[in-house]
N, C-alpha and C. Protein backbone atom coordinates (compact mmCIF):
# COMPACT_ATOMS: atom_id res chain seq x y z
N MET A 1 0.84 -1.17 0.00
CA MET A 1 0.00 0.00 0.00
C MET A 1 0.88 1.23 0.00
N GLY A 2 0.64 2.18 -0.91
CA GLY A 2 1.31 3.45 -0.84
C GLY A 2 2.62 3.56 -1.57
N GLY A 3 3.08 2.54 -2.27
CA GLY A 3 4.27 2.69 -3.08
C GLY A 3 5.55 2.49 -2.30
N VAL A 4 6.61 3.19 -2.76
CA VAL A 4 7.96 2.98 -2.25
C VAL A 4 8.07 3.28 -0.76
N ASP A 5 7.46 4.39 -0.30
CA ASP A 5 7.61 4.76 1.10
C ASP A 5 6.59 4.08 2.01
N ALA A 6 5.75 3.23 1.44
CA ALA A 6 4.76 2.43 2.19
C ALA A 6 3.74 3.29 2.92
N ARG A 7 3.71 4.58 2.62
CA ARG A 7 2.72 5.46 3.21
C ARG A 7 1.43 5.30 2.42
N PRO A 8 0.30 5.10 3.07
CA PRO A 8 -0.96 4.96 2.34
C PRO A 8 -1.28 6.25 1.60
N ARG A 9 -2.07 6.13 0.57
CA ARG A 9 -2.48 7.27 -0.26
C ARG A 9 -3.98 7.50 -0.13
N ALA A 10 -4.37 8.73 -0.37
CA ALA A 10 -5.79 9.08 -0.31
C ALA A 10 -6.61 8.19 -1.23
N SER A 11 -6.08 7.88 -2.39
CA SER A 11 -6.81 7.08 -3.37
C SER A 11 -7.07 5.65 -2.89
N GLU A 12 -6.39 5.21 -1.86
CA GLU A 12 -6.54 3.86 -1.32
C GLU A 12 -7.49 3.77 -0.13
N MET A 13 -7.93 4.90 0.37
CA MET A 13 -8.65 4.89 1.65
C MET A 13 -10.05 4.30 1.57
N ARG A 14 -10.74 4.49 0.47
CA ARG A 14 -12.07 3.87 0.35
C ARG A 14 -11.93 2.36 0.43
N ALA A 15 -10.94 1.80 -0.26
CA ALA A 15 -10.71 0.35 -0.22
C ALA A 15 -10.27 -0.09 1.18
N CYS A 16 -9.47 0.72 1.87
CA CYS A 16 -9.06 0.38 3.24
C CYS A 16 -10.28 0.31 4.16
N ALA A 17 -11.18 1.28 4.02
CA ALA A 17 -12.40 1.29 4.85
C ALA A 17 -13.25 0.07 4.53
N ALA A 18 -13.41 -0.24 3.26
CA ALA A 18 -14.23 -1.40 2.87
C ALA A 18 -13.63 -2.70 3.39
N ALA A 19 -12.31 -2.83 3.34
CA ALA A 19 -11.65 -4.03 3.85
C ALA A 19 -11.84 -4.14 5.36
N PHE A 20 -11.74 -3.03 6.07
CA PHE A 20 -11.97 -3.03 7.51
C PHE A 20 -13.39 -3.47 7.83
N VAL A 21 -14.37 -2.92 7.12
CA VAL A 21 -15.77 -3.29 7.35
C VAL A 21 -15.97 -4.77 7.08
N ALA A 22 -15.40 -5.28 5.99
CA ALA A 22 -15.56 -6.71 5.65
C ALA A 22 -14.96 -7.60 6.74
N ARG A 23 -13.76 -7.24 7.23
CA ARG A 23 -13.12 -8.03 8.29
C ARG A 23 -13.92 -7.97 9.58
N THR A 24 -14.39 -6.80 9.93
CA THR A 24 -15.07 -6.59 11.20
C THR A 24 -16.47 -7.19 11.19
N THR A 25 -17.21 -6.99 10.14
CA THR A 25 -18.58 -7.50 10.10
C THR A 25 -18.61 -8.98 9.74
N GLY A 26 -17.51 -9.52 9.23
CA GLY A 26 -17.44 -10.95 8.95
C GLY A 26 -17.44 -11.78 10.22
N ARG A 27 -16.98 -11.18 11.32
CA ARG A 27 -16.91 -11.87 12.61
C ARG A 27 -18.09 -11.54 13.51
N SER A 28 -18.86 -10.54 13.14
CA SER A 28 -19.96 -10.09 14.01
C SER A 28 -21.06 -9.47 13.17
N ARG A 29 -22.09 -9.06 13.84
CA ARG A 29 -23.21 -8.41 13.15
C ARG A 29 -23.21 -6.91 13.44
N LEU A 30 -22.05 -6.32 13.59
CA LEU A 30 -21.98 -4.89 13.87
C LEU A 30 -22.49 -4.10 12.67
N PRO A 31 -23.35 -3.13 12.90
CA PRO A 31 -23.94 -2.36 11.79
C PRO A 31 -23.02 -1.23 11.31
N LEU A 32 -21.94 -1.59 10.66
CA LEU A 32 -21.04 -0.60 10.09
C LEU A 32 -21.54 -0.26 8.68
N ASP A 33 -22.47 0.68 8.63
CA ASP A 33 -23.15 1.01 7.38
C ASP A 33 -22.79 2.41 6.86
N TYR A 34 -21.71 2.98 7.36
CA TYR A 34 -21.24 4.31 6.95
C TYR A 34 -22.21 5.43 7.33
N SER A 35 -23.07 5.18 8.29
CA SER A 35 -23.96 6.23 8.78
C SER A 35 -23.29 6.96 9.94
N GLU A 36 -23.82 8.15 10.23
CA GLU A 36 -23.32 8.89 11.39
C GLU A 36 -23.53 8.07 12.67
N ARG A 37 -24.66 7.38 12.74
CA ARG A 37 -24.97 6.55 13.92
C ARG A 37 -23.94 5.45 14.12
N SER A 38 -23.40 4.93 13.05
CA SER A 38 -22.45 3.83 13.17
C SER A 38 -21.15 4.26 13.84
N LEU A 39 -20.92 5.55 13.97
CA LEU A 39 -19.71 6.01 14.66
C LEU A 39 -19.76 5.66 16.14
N ARG A 40 -20.96 5.43 16.68
CA ARG A 40 -21.07 4.90 18.06
C ARG A 40 -20.42 3.54 18.14
N ILE A 41 -20.55 2.74 17.08
CA ILE A 41 -19.93 1.41 17.05
C ILE A 41 -18.42 1.56 17.04
N ALA A 42 -17.91 2.53 16.30
CA ALA A 42 -16.46 2.78 16.28
C ALA A 42 -15.98 3.14 17.69
N ASP A 43 -16.73 4.00 18.39
CA ASP A 43 -16.38 4.31 19.78
C ASP A 43 -16.37 3.04 20.64
N PHE A 44 -17.38 2.21 20.46
CA PHE A 44 -17.50 0.95 21.19
C PHE A 44 -16.29 0.04 20.91
N LEU A 45 -15.87 -0.05 19.66
CA LEU A 45 -14.73 -0.90 19.30
C LEU A 45 -13.45 -0.40 19.95
N ILE A 46 -13.27 0.91 19.97
CA ILE A 46 -12.07 1.48 20.61
C ILE A 46 -12.10 1.22 22.11
N ASP A 47 -13.26 1.40 22.73
CA ASP A 47 -13.38 1.11 24.16
C ASP A 47 -13.05 -0.36 24.44
N GLY A 48 -13.47 -1.25 23.55
CA GLY A 48 -13.16 -2.68 23.71
C GLY A 48 -11.67 -2.96 23.62
N LEU A 49 -10.99 -2.29 22.70
CA LEU A 49 -9.54 -2.45 22.60
C LEU A 49 -8.87 -2.01 23.89
N ARG A 50 -9.30 -0.87 24.40
CA ARG A 50 -8.71 -0.35 25.64
C ARG A 50 -8.97 -1.29 26.81
N LYS A 51 -10.21 -1.75 26.95
CA LYS A 51 -10.55 -2.65 28.06
C LYS A 51 -9.82 -3.97 27.95
N GLY A 52 -9.52 -4.38 26.72
CA GLY A 52 -8.78 -5.61 26.49
C GLY A 52 -7.29 -5.46 26.76
N GLY A 53 -6.85 -4.25 27.07
CA GLY A 53 -5.46 -4.02 27.41
C GLY A 53 -4.52 -3.85 26.23
N ALA A 54 -5.05 -3.63 25.04
CA ALA A 54 -4.20 -3.47 23.85
C ALA A 54 -3.38 -2.20 23.96
N HIS A 55 -2.14 -2.29 23.52
CA HIS A 55 -1.28 -1.11 23.39
C HIS A 55 -1.45 -0.57 21.99
N ARG A 56 -1.14 0.70 21.80
CA ARG A 56 -1.35 1.32 20.50
C ARG A 56 -0.64 0.57 19.38
N GLU A 57 0.57 0.09 19.63
CA GLU A 57 1.30 -0.64 18.59
C GLU A 57 0.57 -1.92 18.20
N GLU A 58 0.03 -2.62 19.19
CA GLU A 58 -0.72 -3.85 18.93
C GLU A 58 -2.02 -3.57 18.18
N ALA A 59 -2.60 -2.43 18.45
CA ALA A 59 -3.89 -2.08 17.87
C ALA A 59 -3.76 -1.25 16.59
N HIS A 60 -2.54 -1.04 16.11
CA HIS A 60 -2.29 -0.15 14.98
C HIS A 60 -3.19 -0.44 13.78
N ASP A 61 -3.24 -1.69 13.34
CA ASP A 61 -4.02 -2.03 12.15
C ASP A 61 -5.51 -1.76 12.35
N THR A 62 -6.01 -2.11 13.52
CA THR A 62 -7.42 -1.86 13.81
C THR A 62 -7.70 -0.36 13.88
N LEU A 63 -6.81 0.39 14.53
CA LEU A 63 -7.00 1.84 14.61
C LEU A 63 -6.94 2.48 13.23
N PHE A 64 -6.03 2.01 12.39
CA PHE A 64 -5.95 2.54 11.03
C PHE A 64 -7.25 2.23 10.28
N GLY A 65 -7.75 1.01 10.40
CA GLY A 65 -9.01 0.64 9.75
C GLY A 65 -10.16 1.48 10.25
N LEU A 66 -10.22 1.70 11.56
CA LEU A 66 -11.26 2.57 12.11
C LEU A 66 -11.14 3.99 11.59
N GLY A 67 -9.91 4.49 11.50
CA GLY A 67 -9.70 5.84 10.96
C GLY A 67 -10.15 5.94 9.51
N ALA A 68 -9.86 4.89 8.73
CA ALA A 68 -10.32 4.85 7.34
C ALA A 68 -11.84 4.85 7.30
N TYR A 69 -12.45 4.08 8.19
CA TYR A 69 -13.91 4.01 8.25
C TYR A 69 -14.51 5.38 8.61
N VAL A 70 -13.97 6.01 9.65
CA VAL A 70 -14.48 7.33 10.07
C VAL A 70 -14.33 8.33 8.92
N GLY A 71 -13.19 8.33 8.27
CA GLY A 71 -12.99 9.23 7.14
C GLY A 71 -13.97 8.95 6.02
N GLU A 72 -14.24 7.68 5.77
CA GLU A 72 -15.18 7.33 4.70
C GLU A 72 -16.60 7.74 5.05
N VAL A 73 -16.96 7.72 6.34
CA VAL A 73 -18.25 8.26 6.75
C VAL A 73 -18.31 9.75 6.41
N LEU A 74 -17.22 10.47 6.65
CA LEU A 74 -17.18 11.89 6.31
C LEU A 74 -17.30 12.11 4.81
N VAL A 75 -16.67 11.23 4.04
CA VAL A 75 -16.75 11.33 2.57
C VAL A 75 -18.19 11.10 2.12
N ARG A 76 -18.80 10.03 2.62
CA ARG A 76 -20.13 9.66 2.14
C ARG A 76 -21.26 10.51 2.70
N ARG A 77 -21.10 10.99 3.92
CA ARG A 77 -22.21 11.68 4.59
C ARG A 77 -22.03 13.18 4.73
N ALA A 78 -20.80 13.65 4.67
CA ALA A 78 -20.57 15.07 4.93
C ALA A 78 -19.96 15.80 3.74
N GLY A 79 -19.77 15.11 2.62
CA GLY A 79 -19.26 15.76 1.42
C GLY A 79 -17.75 15.94 1.37
N ALA A 80 -17.02 15.25 2.24
CA ALA A 80 -15.56 15.37 2.26
C ALA A 80 -14.93 14.58 1.11
N VAL A 81 -13.66 14.84 0.87
CA VAL A 81 -12.87 14.05 -0.07
C VAL A 81 -11.55 13.70 0.62
N TRP A 82 -11.04 12.50 0.34
CA TRP A 82 -9.75 12.09 0.87
C TRP A 82 -8.66 12.90 0.19
N VAL A 83 -7.66 13.33 0.96
CA VAL A 83 -6.53 14.08 0.41
C VAL A 83 -5.23 13.58 1.01
N ASP A 84 -4.20 13.56 0.17
CA ASP A 84 -2.84 13.33 0.67
C ASP A 84 -2.38 14.65 1.26
N LEU A 85 -1.93 14.60 2.50
CA LEU A 85 -1.51 15.83 3.18
C LEU A 85 -0.12 16.25 2.73
N ASP A 86 0.10 17.56 2.69
CA ASP A 86 1.43 18.06 2.35
C ASP A 86 2.34 17.94 3.58
N ALA A 87 3.59 18.27 3.42
CA ALA A 87 4.57 18.07 4.50
C ALA A 87 4.18 18.82 5.78
N ALA A 88 3.72 20.06 5.64
CA ALA A 88 3.34 20.84 6.83
C ALA A 88 2.13 20.21 7.52
N GLN A 89 1.16 19.77 6.73
CA GLN A 89 -0.02 19.13 7.31
C GLN A 89 0.34 17.81 7.96
N ARG A 90 1.22 17.03 7.34
CA ARG A 90 1.66 15.75 7.95
C ARG A 90 2.34 16.01 9.28
N ALA A 91 3.16 17.05 9.34
CA ALA A 91 3.84 17.39 10.60
C ALA A 91 2.82 17.81 11.66
N TYR A 92 1.83 18.59 11.27
CA TYR A 92 0.82 19.07 12.21
C TYR A 92 -0.08 17.93 12.71
N PHE A 93 -0.60 17.14 11.78
CA PHE A 93 -1.55 16.10 12.12
C PHE A 93 -0.90 14.79 12.54
N GLY A 94 0.34 14.56 12.13
CA GLY A 94 0.99 13.29 12.44
C GLY A 94 0.45 12.13 11.60
N GLN A 95 -0.20 12.43 10.49
CA GLN A 95 -0.78 11.43 9.61
C GLN A 95 -0.52 11.84 8.16
N PRO A 96 -0.47 10.88 7.25
CA PRO A 96 -0.21 11.21 5.84
C PRO A 96 -1.45 11.58 5.04
N ILE A 97 -2.64 11.29 5.59
CA ILE A 97 -3.88 11.44 4.85
C ILE A 97 -4.91 12.13 5.73
N GLY A 98 -5.74 12.92 5.10
CA GLY A 98 -6.86 13.54 5.81
C GLY A 98 -8.05 13.64 4.88
N VAL A 99 -9.02 14.41 5.30
CA VAL A 99 -10.17 14.68 4.44
C VAL A 99 -10.35 16.20 4.36
N ARG A 100 -10.75 16.64 3.16
CA ARG A 100 -11.06 18.05 2.95
C ARG A 100 -12.58 18.18 2.86
N MET A 101 -13.11 19.07 3.68
CA MET A 101 -14.55 19.31 3.72
C MET A 101 -14.95 20.26 2.59
N PRO A 102 -16.24 20.33 2.30
CA PRO A 102 -16.70 21.22 1.23
C PRO A 102 -16.28 22.68 1.43
N ASP A 103 -16.10 23.12 2.67
CA ASP A 103 -15.70 24.51 2.91
C ASP A 103 -14.18 24.69 2.84
N GLY A 104 -13.43 23.61 2.53
CA GLY A 104 -11.98 23.69 2.39
C GLY A 104 -11.19 23.30 3.62
N ARG A 105 -11.83 23.14 4.76
CA ARG A 105 -11.11 22.74 5.97
C ARG A 105 -10.64 21.31 5.83
N VAL A 106 -9.47 21.05 6.41
CA VAL A 106 -8.90 19.70 6.41
C VAL A 106 -9.01 19.14 7.82
N TRP A 107 -9.49 17.89 7.89
CA TRP A 107 -9.64 17.20 9.16
C TRP A 107 -8.85 15.89 9.14
N ASN A 108 -8.62 15.35 10.31
CA ASN A 108 -7.72 14.23 10.50
C ASN A 108 -8.44 13.04 11.17
N PRO A 109 -9.24 12.27 10.43
CA PRO A 109 -9.95 11.16 11.08
C PRO A 109 -9.03 10.07 11.61
N LEU A 110 -7.89 9.84 10.95
CA LEU A 110 -6.96 8.81 11.44
C LEU A 110 -6.41 9.22 12.81
N GLY A 111 -6.02 10.46 12.94
CA GLY A 111 -5.51 10.97 14.21
C GLY A 111 -6.59 11.04 15.27
N LYS A 112 -7.81 11.35 14.86
CA LYS A 112 -8.92 11.42 15.82
C LYS A 112 -9.16 10.06 16.47
N VAL A 113 -9.06 9.00 15.67
CA VAL A 113 -9.23 7.65 16.21
C VAL A 113 -8.12 7.33 17.21
N VAL A 114 -6.89 7.69 16.88
CA VAL A 114 -5.76 7.45 17.79
C VAL A 114 -5.96 8.25 19.08
N ASN A 115 -6.39 9.50 18.95
CA ASN A 115 -6.64 10.31 20.16
C ASN A 115 -7.72 9.69 21.03
N ARG A 116 -8.77 9.18 20.39
CA ARG A 116 -9.85 8.53 21.14
C ARG A 116 -9.31 7.31 21.89
N PHE A 117 -8.48 6.53 21.22
CA PHE A 117 -7.88 5.36 21.85
C PHE A 117 -6.98 5.76 23.01
N ASP A 118 -6.09 6.74 22.76
CA ASP A 118 -5.14 7.16 23.79
C ASP A 118 -5.82 7.74 25.01
N SER A 119 -6.86 8.55 24.80
CA SER A 119 -7.49 9.24 25.92
C SER A 119 -8.54 8.38 26.62
N GLY A 120 -9.30 7.62 25.84
CA GLY A 120 -10.40 6.85 26.42
C GLY A 120 -11.54 7.71 26.92
N GLN A 121 -11.49 8.99 26.61
CA GLN A 121 -12.47 9.94 27.12
C GLN A 121 -13.67 10.06 26.20
N SER A 122 -14.86 10.15 26.78
CA SER A 122 -16.08 10.26 25.98
C SER A 122 -16.13 11.56 25.19
N GLU A 123 -15.43 12.61 25.66
CA GLU A 123 -15.43 13.84 24.88
C GLU A 123 -14.64 13.72 23.57
N GLU A 124 -13.89 12.64 23.44
CA GLU A 124 -13.18 12.34 22.19
C GLU A 124 -14.01 11.43 21.29
N SER A 125 -15.29 11.26 21.60
CA SER A 125 -16.18 10.39 20.84
C SER A 125 -16.15 10.70 19.35
N LEU A 126 -16.09 9.66 18.55
CA LEU A 126 -16.10 9.83 17.10
C LEU A 126 -17.47 10.29 16.61
N GLN A 127 -18.52 9.85 17.27
CA GLN A 127 -19.85 10.32 16.90
C GLN A 127 -19.99 11.81 17.20
N LEU A 128 -19.51 12.26 18.35
CA LEU A 128 -19.55 13.69 18.67
C LEU A 128 -18.67 14.49 17.71
N PHE A 129 -17.54 13.93 17.34
CA PHE A 129 -16.66 14.57 16.35
C PHE A 129 -17.46 14.87 15.08
N TYR A 130 -18.20 13.90 14.60
CA TYR A 130 -19.00 14.11 13.40
C TYR A 130 -20.06 15.19 13.63
N LEU A 131 -20.76 15.10 14.75
CA LEU A 131 -21.86 16.03 15.00
C LEU A 131 -21.38 17.47 15.17
N LYS A 132 -20.18 17.65 15.67
CA LYS A 132 -19.62 18.99 15.89
C LYS A 132 -18.80 19.48 14.70
N LEU A 133 -18.64 18.66 13.71
CA LEU A 133 -17.74 18.93 12.59
C LEU A 133 -18.16 20.16 11.80
N HIS A 134 -17.24 21.08 11.65
CA HIS A 134 -17.47 22.26 10.82
C HIS A 134 -17.22 21.93 9.37
N GLY A 135 -17.95 22.58 8.49
CA GLY A 135 -17.68 22.47 7.07
C GLY A 135 -18.40 21.34 6.36
N ARG A 136 -19.34 20.67 7.06
CA ARG A 136 -20.09 19.57 6.43
C ARG A 136 -21.02 20.11 5.36
N ALA A 137 -21.23 19.30 4.34
CA ALA A 137 -22.28 19.60 3.38
C ALA A 137 -23.61 19.29 4.06
N ARG A 138 -24.62 20.01 3.72
CA ARG A 138 -25.93 19.76 4.34
C ARG A 138 -26.39 18.35 4.09
N ARG A 139 -26.28 17.89 2.87
CA ARG A 139 -26.63 16.51 2.51
C ARG A 139 -25.63 16.04 1.49
N ALA A 140 -25.02 14.93 1.79
CA ALA A 140 -24.05 14.36 0.85
C ALA A 140 -24.63 13.08 0.26
N ALA A 141 -24.25 12.82 -0.96
CA ALA A 141 -24.69 11.58 -1.62
C ALA A 141 -23.96 10.39 -1.05
N VAL A 142 -24.62 9.25 -1.07
CA VAL A 142 -24.01 8.02 -0.57
C VAL A 142 -23.23 7.38 -1.62
């Protein structure tokens, strides 16, 4: 994934999200349907990782998949597009990829998932992140 430097690319994120959903829903009946409501499930999955005692390194692949999923919810429901971040943005966000909202703002769903995992705090909820998100389109196509 991502070529020579193994950094994922924006063009790969929809497939990353779909692969995460297939892996996750193949083992359970979790309703990961790319809706805003499904972000509660993402919060639940992160809480489960924390309660299970996973360290961030151990949970890296799952956290990346969740970040791809959260970003894809923003793409499908809020009118965002995946973007490869420039060097300054990568330094600021600590991630190679983000989403650009219809108003031009760039957000970091991959980092948001990591922050939620690291903090374990409900104020870092992914569902609340979506609900408070600036720059959303009023209605985005699925």
